[in-house]
Amino acid sequence: MLAMGGTKGALLALVVELLVTSLTGAHFGAEADTFFKPEGNQPRLGQVFIVIDPQALGGQTVYNERVEALISAMLSDEGVRLPGQRRIQLVEAAKKTGLDIPQSAIDAIRAFC
């Protein structure tokens, strides 16, 4: 797996890895073997859930306002998208205009029917 976001993403991944492995005694990601083969060491994965109640801190309204402000600021920059936004746009476009399916794909599907 590659970290997203360059240096900041790598450091965020490091913080999460250290929290999870130090709090649970789990293997580091690089030490964990696959779940899909019986040979090798056990994955010994750990899970940590960090739960934050915005109401107990600044309040839900403040939280919602700040999240909306940050997202609005991000989306005001050209080319910035939220995760899943492109997929949603493609689905909406396909609903309006349909999909272009090559004849070879249609023929292959019909061959199975």
N, C-alpha and C. Protein backbone atom coordinates (compact mmCIF):
# COMPACT_ATOMS: atom_id res chain seq x y z
N MET A 1 0.84 -1.18 0.00
CA MET A 1 0.00 0.00 0.00
C MET A 1 0.88 1.24 0.00
N LEU A 2 0.46 2.21 -0.77
CA LEU A 2 1.17 3.48 -0.80
C LEU A 2 0.37 4.51 -0.02
N ALA A 3 1.08 5.37 0.68
CA ALA A 3 0.41 6.43 1.42
C ALA A 3 -0.11 7.47 0.45
N MET A 4 -1.31 7.97 0.72
CA MET A 4 -1.83 9.05 -0.12
C MET A 4 -1.36 10.38 0.46
N GLY A 5 -1.29 11.37 -0.37
CA GLY A 5 -0.98 12.71 0.13
C GLY A 5 0.48 12.99 0.36
N GLY A 6 1.37 12.23 -0.28
CA GLY A 6 2.79 12.53 -0.17
C GLY A 6 3.30 12.44 1.26
N THR A 7 4.12 13.41 1.65
CA THR A 7 4.75 13.40 2.97
C THR A 7 3.72 13.46 4.09
N LYS A 8 2.73 14.34 3.96
CA LYS A 8 1.72 14.45 5.01
C LYS A 8 0.93 13.16 5.15
N GLY A 9 0.59 12.54 4.03
CA GLY A 9 -0.13 11.26 4.08
C GLY A 9 0.71 10.17 4.72
N ALA A 10 2.00 10.15 4.40
CA ALA A 10 2.90 9.16 4.99
C ALA A 10 3.01 9.35 6.49
N LEU A 11 3.10 10.60 6.93
CA LEU A 11 3.19 10.87 8.37
C LEU A 11 1.88 10.54 9.08
N LEU A 12 0.76 10.80 8.44
CA LEU A 12 -0.54 10.42 9.03
C LEU A 12 -0.62 8.90 9.16
N ALA A 13 -0.18 8.18 8.13
CA ALA A 13 -0.16 6.72 8.19
C ALA A 13 0.75 6.24 9.31
N LEU A 14 1.89 6.90 9.51
CA LEU A 14 2.81 6.54 10.59
C LEU A 14 2.15 6.73 11.96
N VAL A 15 1.46 7.85 12.15
CA VAL A 15 0.79 8.11 13.43
C VAL A 15 -0.26 7.03 13.70
N VAL A 16 -1.06 6.70 12.69
CA VAL A 16 -2.09 5.67 12.87
C VAL A 16 -1.44 4.32 13.17
N GLU A 17 -0.40 3.97 12.42
CA GLU A 17 0.30 2.70 12.63
C GLU A 17 0.85 2.61 14.05
N LEU A 18 1.47 3.69 14.52
CA LEU A 18 2.02 3.69 15.88
C LEU A 18 0.93 3.59 16.93
N LEU A 19 -0.16 4.31 16.75
CA LEU A 19 -1.27 4.23 17.71
C LEU A 19 -1.82 2.80 17.80
N VAL A 20 -2.13 2.23 16.64
CA VAL A 20 -2.75 0.91 16.62
C VAL A 20 -1.81 -0.15 17.16
N THR A 21 -0.57 -0.17 16.69
CA THR A 21 0.34 -1.23 17.12
C THR A 21 0.78 -1.08 18.57
N SER A 22 0.97 0.15 19.03
CA SER A 22 1.42 0.33 20.41
C SER A 22 0.29 0.09 21.41
N LEU A 23 -0.94 0.41 21.03
CA LEU A 23 -2.06 0.21 21.95
C LEU A 23 -2.58 -1.22 21.97
N THR A 24 -2.36 -1.97 20.89
CA THR A 24 -2.92 -3.33 20.82
C THR A 24 -1.87 -4.43 20.80
N GLY A 25 -0.61 -4.08 20.58
CA GLY A 25 0.43 -5.10 20.47
C GLY A 25 0.40 -5.83 19.13
N ALA A 26 -0.29 -5.27 18.16
CA ALA A 26 -0.41 -5.90 16.84
C ALA A 26 0.90 -5.79 16.07
N HIS A 27 1.00 -6.61 15.02
CA HIS A 27 2.14 -6.49 14.11
C HIS A 27 2.06 -5.16 13.37
N PHE A 28 3.23 -4.66 12.99
CA PHE A 28 3.26 -3.54 12.06
C PHE A 28 2.73 -4.05 10.73
N GLY A 29 2.25 -3.15 9.89
CA GLY A 29 1.72 -3.56 8.59
C GLY A 29 2.70 -4.40 7.79
N ALA A 30 3.96 -4.03 7.81
CA ALA A 30 4.98 -4.76 7.05
C ALA A 30 5.26 -6.14 7.65
N GLU A 31 4.90 -6.37 8.91
CA GLU A 31 5.14 -7.66 9.57
C GLU A 31 3.98 -8.63 9.38
N ALA A 32 2.81 -8.12 9.06
CA ALA A 32 1.61 -8.96 8.97
C ALA A 32 1.59 -9.71 7.65
N ASP A 33 1.40 -11.02 7.72
CA ASP A 33 1.25 -11.82 6.51
C ASP A 33 -0.20 -11.76 6.04
N THR A 34 -0.43 -12.40 4.94
CA THR A 34 -1.76 -12.38 4.33
C THR A 34 -2.75 -13.27 5.07
N PHE A 35 -4.02 -12.95 4.95
CA PHE A 35 -5.09 -13.80 5.47
C PHE A 35 -5.38 -14.95 4.51
N PHE A 36 -4.90 -14.86 3.28
CA PHE A 36 -5.35 -15.75 2.22
C PHE A 36 -4.47 -16.97 2.00
N LYS A 37 -3.38 -17.10 2.75
CA LYS A 37 -2.52 -18.27 2.64
C LYS A 37 -2.26 -18.81 4.04
N PRO A 38 -2.29 -20.14 4.21
CA PRO A 38 -2.08 -20.70 5.55
C PRO A 38 -0.64 -20.59 6.03
N GLU A 39 0.34 -20.50 5.12
CA GLU A 39 1.73 -20.42 5.57
C GLU A 39 2.08 -19.00 6.00
N GLY A 40 3.12 -18.89 6.77
CA GLY A 40 3.55 -17.58 7.26
C GLY A 40 3.01 -17.32 8.66
N ASN A 41 3.43 -16.19 9.23
CA ASN A 41 2.97 -15.87 10.59
C ASN A 41 1.53 -15.36 10.55
N GLN A 42 0.89 -15.38 11.68
CA GLN A 42 -0.48 -14.87 11.76
C GLN A 42 -0.46 -13.36 11.60
N PRO A 43 -1.46 -12.80 10.94
CA PRO A 43 -1.47 -11.35 10.73
C PRO A 43 -1.42 -10.54 12.03
N ARG A 44 -2.01 -11.04 13.12
CA ARG A 44 -2.05 -10.33 14.41
C ARG A 44 -2.36 -8.85 14.23
N LEU A 45 -3.49 -8.60 13.64
CA LEU A 45 -3.92 -7.22 13.42
C LEU A 45 -4.58 -6.67 14.67
N GLY A 46 -4.58 -5.37 14.81
CA GLY A 46 -5.25 -4.72 15.92
C GLY A 46 -6.14 -3.61 15.40
N GLN A 47 -7.18 -3.32 16.12
CA GLN A 47 -8.07 -2.23 15.75
C GLN A 47 -8.18 -1.26 16.92
N VAL A 48 -8.17 0.01 16.59
CA VAL A 48 -8.36 1.05 17.58
C VAL A 48 -9.46 1.95 17.06
N PHE A 49 -10.41 2.25 17.90
CA PHE A 49 -11.50 3.15 17.53
C PHE A 49 -11.35 4.43 18.33
N ILE A 50 -11.22 5.53 17.63
CA ILE A 50 -11.13 6.83 18.27
C ILE A 50 -12.48 7.51 18.08
N VAL A 51 -13.17 7.73 19.17
CA VAL A 51 -14.52 8.29 19.11
C VAL A 51 -14.50 9.67 19.73
N ILE A 52 -14.96 10.65 18.96
CA ILE A 52 -14.99 12.03 19.43
C ILE A 52 -16.42 12.54 19.36
N ASP A 53 -16.91 13.06 20.45
CA ASP A 53 -18.26 13.62 20.50
C ASP A 53 -18.15 15.14 20.35
N PRO A 54 -18.47 15.68 19.16
CA PRO A 54 -18.36 17.13 18.97
C PRO A 54 -19.21 17.91 19.98
N GLN A 55 -20.32 17.34 20.41
CA GLN A 55 -21.21 18.02 21.35
C GLN A 55 -20.50 18.27 22.68
N ALA A 56 -19.62 17.35 23.06
CA ALA A 56 -18.90 17.49 24.33
C ALA A 56 -17.77 18.52 24.25
N LEU A 57 -17.43 18.93 23.05
CA LEU A 57 -16.34 19.89 22.89
C LEU A 57 -16.93 21.25 22.50
N GLY A 58 -16.78 21.63 21.24
CA GLY A 58 -17.29 22.93 20.79
C GLY A 58 -18.77 22.94 20.49
N GLY A 59 -19.36 21.76 20.40
CA GLY A 59 -20.77 21.65 20.07
C GLY A 59 -20.99 21.20 18.63
N GLN A 60 -22.11 20.54 18.39
CA GLN A 60 -22.41 19.99 17.07
C GLN A 60 -22.56 21.09 16.02
N THR A 61 -23.18 22.20 16.40
CA THR A 61 -23.39 23.29 15.44
C THR A 61 -22.05 23.87 14.99
N VAL A 62 -21.16 24.11 15.94
CA VAL A 62 -19.83 24.64 15.60
C VAL A 62 -19.09 23.65 14.70
N TYR A 63 -19.16 22.38 15.04
CA TYR A 63 -18.51 21.35 14.23
C TYR A 63 -19.04 21.38 12.80
N ASN A 64 -20.36 21.36 12.65
CA ASN A 64 -20.96 21.37 11.31
C ASN A 64 -20.55 22.61 10.52
N GLU A 65 -20.56 23.76 11.17
CA GLU A 65 -20.18 25.01 10.49
C GLU A 65 -18.73 24.97 10.03
N ARG A 66 -17.85 24.47 10.86
CA ARG A 66 -16.42 24.44 10.52
C ARG A 66 -16.14 23.44 9.40
N VAL A 67 -16.81 22.29 9.45
CA VAL A 67 -16.63 21.30 8.38
C VAL A 67 -17.12 21.89 7.06
N GLU A 68 -18.30 22.50 7.07
CA GLU A 68 -18.84 23.11 5.85
C GLU A 68 -17.91 24.21 5.33
N ALA A 69 -17.36 25.03 6.22
CA ALA A 69 -16.46 26.10 5.80
C ALA A 69 -15.20 25.54 5.14
N LEU A 70 -14.64 24.48 5.72
CA LEU A 70 -13.44 23.88 5.14
C LEU A 70 -13.73 23.26 3.79
N ILE A 71 -14.82 22.51 3.69
CA ILE A 71 -15.17 21.87 2.42
C ILE A 71 -15.44 22.93 1.35
N SER A 72 -16.14 23.99 1.70
CA SER A 72 -16.40 25.07 0.74
C SER A 72 -15.11 25.71 0.27
N ALA A 73 -14.19 25.94 1.19
CA ALA A 73 -12.89 26.53 0.82
C ALA A 73 -12.12 25.60 -0.11
N MET A 74 -12.13 24.31 0.19
CA MET A 74 -11.44 23.34 -0.66
C MET A 74 -12.03 23.31 -2.06
N LEU A 75 -13.37 23.23 -2.13
CA LEU A 75 -14.03 23.10 -3.42
C LEU A 75 -13.96 24.37 -4.26
N SER A 76 -13.59 25.49 -3.65
CA SER A 76 -13.46 26.73 -4.41
C SER A 76 -12.20 26.73 -5.27
N ASP A 77 -11.25 25.84 -4.96
CA ASP A 77 -10.04 25.71 -5.78
C ASP A 77 -10.33 24.82 -6.98
N GLU A 78 -9.84 25.22 -8.14
CA GLU A 78 -10.08 24.47 -9.36
C GLU A 78 -9.44 23.08 -9.28
N GLY A 79 -10.20 22.08 -9.69
CA GLY A 79 -9.70 20.72 -9.75
C GLY A 79 -9.83 19.92 -8.47
N VAL A 80 -10.26 20.55 -7.39
CA VAL A 80 -10.40 19.84 -6.11
C VAL A 80 -11.75 19.14 -6.09
N ARG A 81 -11.73 17.85 -5.70
CA ARG A 81 -12.97 17.08 -5.59
C ARG A 81 -12.97 16.35 -4.25
N LEU A 82 -14.15 16.07 -3.78
CA LEU A 82 -14.29 15.24 -2.59
C LEU A 82 -14.23 13.78 -3.01
N PRO A 83 -13.82 12.87 -2.11
CA PRO A 83 -13.82 11.45 -2.45
C PRO A 83 -15.20 11.00 -2.92
N GLY A 84 -15.24 10.32 -4.06
CA GLY A 84 -16.49 9.81 -4.60
C GLY A 84 -17.22 10.79 -5.51
N GLN A 85 -16.80 12.04 -5.53
CA GLN A 85 -17.50 13.06 -6.30
C GLN A 85 -17.46 12.77 -7.81
N ARG A 86 -16.32 12.33 -8.32
CA ARG A 86 -16.21 12.02 -9.75
C ARG A 86 -17.13 10.86 -10.10
N ARG A 87 -17.16 9.84 -9.27
CA ARG A 87 -18.02 8.68 -9.53
C ARG A 87 -19.48 9.10 -9.57
N ILE A 88 -19.88 9.93 -8.62
CA ILE A 88 -21.27 10.40 -8.58
C ILE A 88 -21.60 11.19 -9.85
N GLN A 89 -20.67 12.04 -10.30
CA GLN A 89 -20.89 12.81 -11.52
C GLN A 89 -21.01 11.89 -12.74
N LEU A 90 -20.19 10.85 -12.80
CA LEU A 90 -20.26 9.91 -13.92
C LEU A 90 -21.56 9.13 -13.92
N VAL A 91 -22.04 8.73 -12.74
CA VAL A 91 -23.32 8.01 -12.64
C VAL A 91 -24.45 8.91 -13.11
N GLU A 92 -24.45 10.16 -12.67
CA GLU A 92 -25.50 11.10 -13.08
C GLU A 92 -25.47 11.33 -14.59
N ALA A 93 -24.28 11.48 -15.15
CA ALA A 93 -24.16 11.67 -16.60
C ALA A 93 -24.66 10.44 -17.35
N ALA A 94 -24.33 9.25 -16.85
CA ALA A 94 -24.78 8.01 -17.50
C ALA A 94 -26.30 7.87 -17.45
N LYS A 95 -26.91 8.33 -16.35
CA LYS A 95 -28.38 8.28 -16.25
C LYS A 95 -29.03 9.17 -17.31
N LYS A 96 -28.38 10.29 -17.61
CA LYS A 96 -28.94 11.25 -18.58
C LYS A 96 -28.67 10.84 -20.02
N THR A 97 -27.44 10.41 -20.30
CA THR A 97 -27.04 10.19 -21.69
C THR A 97 -26.81 8.73 -22.04
N GLY A 98 -26.86 7.84 -21.05
CA GLY A 98 -26.60 6.43 -21.31
C GLY A 98 -25.11 6.13 -21.34
N LEU A 99 -24.79 4.89 -21.67
CA LEU A 99 -23.40 4.44 -21.73
C LEU A 99 -23.06 4.03 -23.15
N ASP A 100 -21.83 4.26 -23.54
CA ASP A 100 -21.32 3.78 -24.82
C ASP A 100 -20.71 2.41 -24.59
N ILE A 101 -21.35 1.37 -25.10
CA ILE A 101 -20.83 0.02 -24.93
C ILE A 101 -20.37 -0.48 -26.29
N PRO A 102 -19.11 -0.88 -26.40
CA PRO A 102 -18.61 -1.37 -27.69
C PRO A 102 -19.39 -2.61 -28.13
N GLN A 103 -19.59 -2.74 -29.42
CA GLN A 103 -20.33 -3.88 -29.96
C GLN A 103 -19.66 -5.19 -29.56
N SER A 104 -18.33 -5.21 -29.49
CA SER A 104 -17.62 -6.44 -29.11
C SER A 104 -18.01 -6.88 -27.70
N ALA A 105 -18.23 -5.93 -26.79
CA ALA A 105 -18.66 -6.28 -25.43
C ALA A 105 -20.08 -6.82 -25.45
N ILE A 106 -20.95 -6.22 -26.24
CA ILE A 106 -22.33 -6.71 -26.35
C ILE A 106 -22.34 -8.12 -26.91
N ASP A 107 -21.53 -8.36 -27.95
CA ASP A 107 -21.45 -9.70 -28.55
C ASP A 107 -20.93 -10.72 -27.54
N ALA A 108 -19.94 -10.34 -26.74
CA ALA A 108 -19.39 -11.26 -25.73
C ALA A 108 -20.44 -11.59 -24.68
N ILE A 109 -21.22 -10.61 -24.26
CA ILE A 109 -22.28 -10.85 -23.27
C ILE A 109 -23.34 -11.77 -23.85
N ARG A 110 -23.73 -11.52 -25.10
CA ARG A 110 -24.76 -12.36 -25.74
C ARG A 110 -24.28 -13.79 -25.92
N ALA A 111 -22.99 -13.98 -26.08
CA ALA A 111 -22.44 -15.33 -26.24
C ALA A 111 -22.64 -16.15 -24.97
N PHE A 112 -22.71 -15.50 -23.82
CA PHE A 112 -22.92 -16.21 -22.55
C PHE A 112 -24.38 -16.52 -22.29
N CYS A 113 -25.29 -15.84 -22.97
CA CYS A 113 -26.73 -16.00 -22.69
C CYS A 113 -27.34 -17.11 -23.51
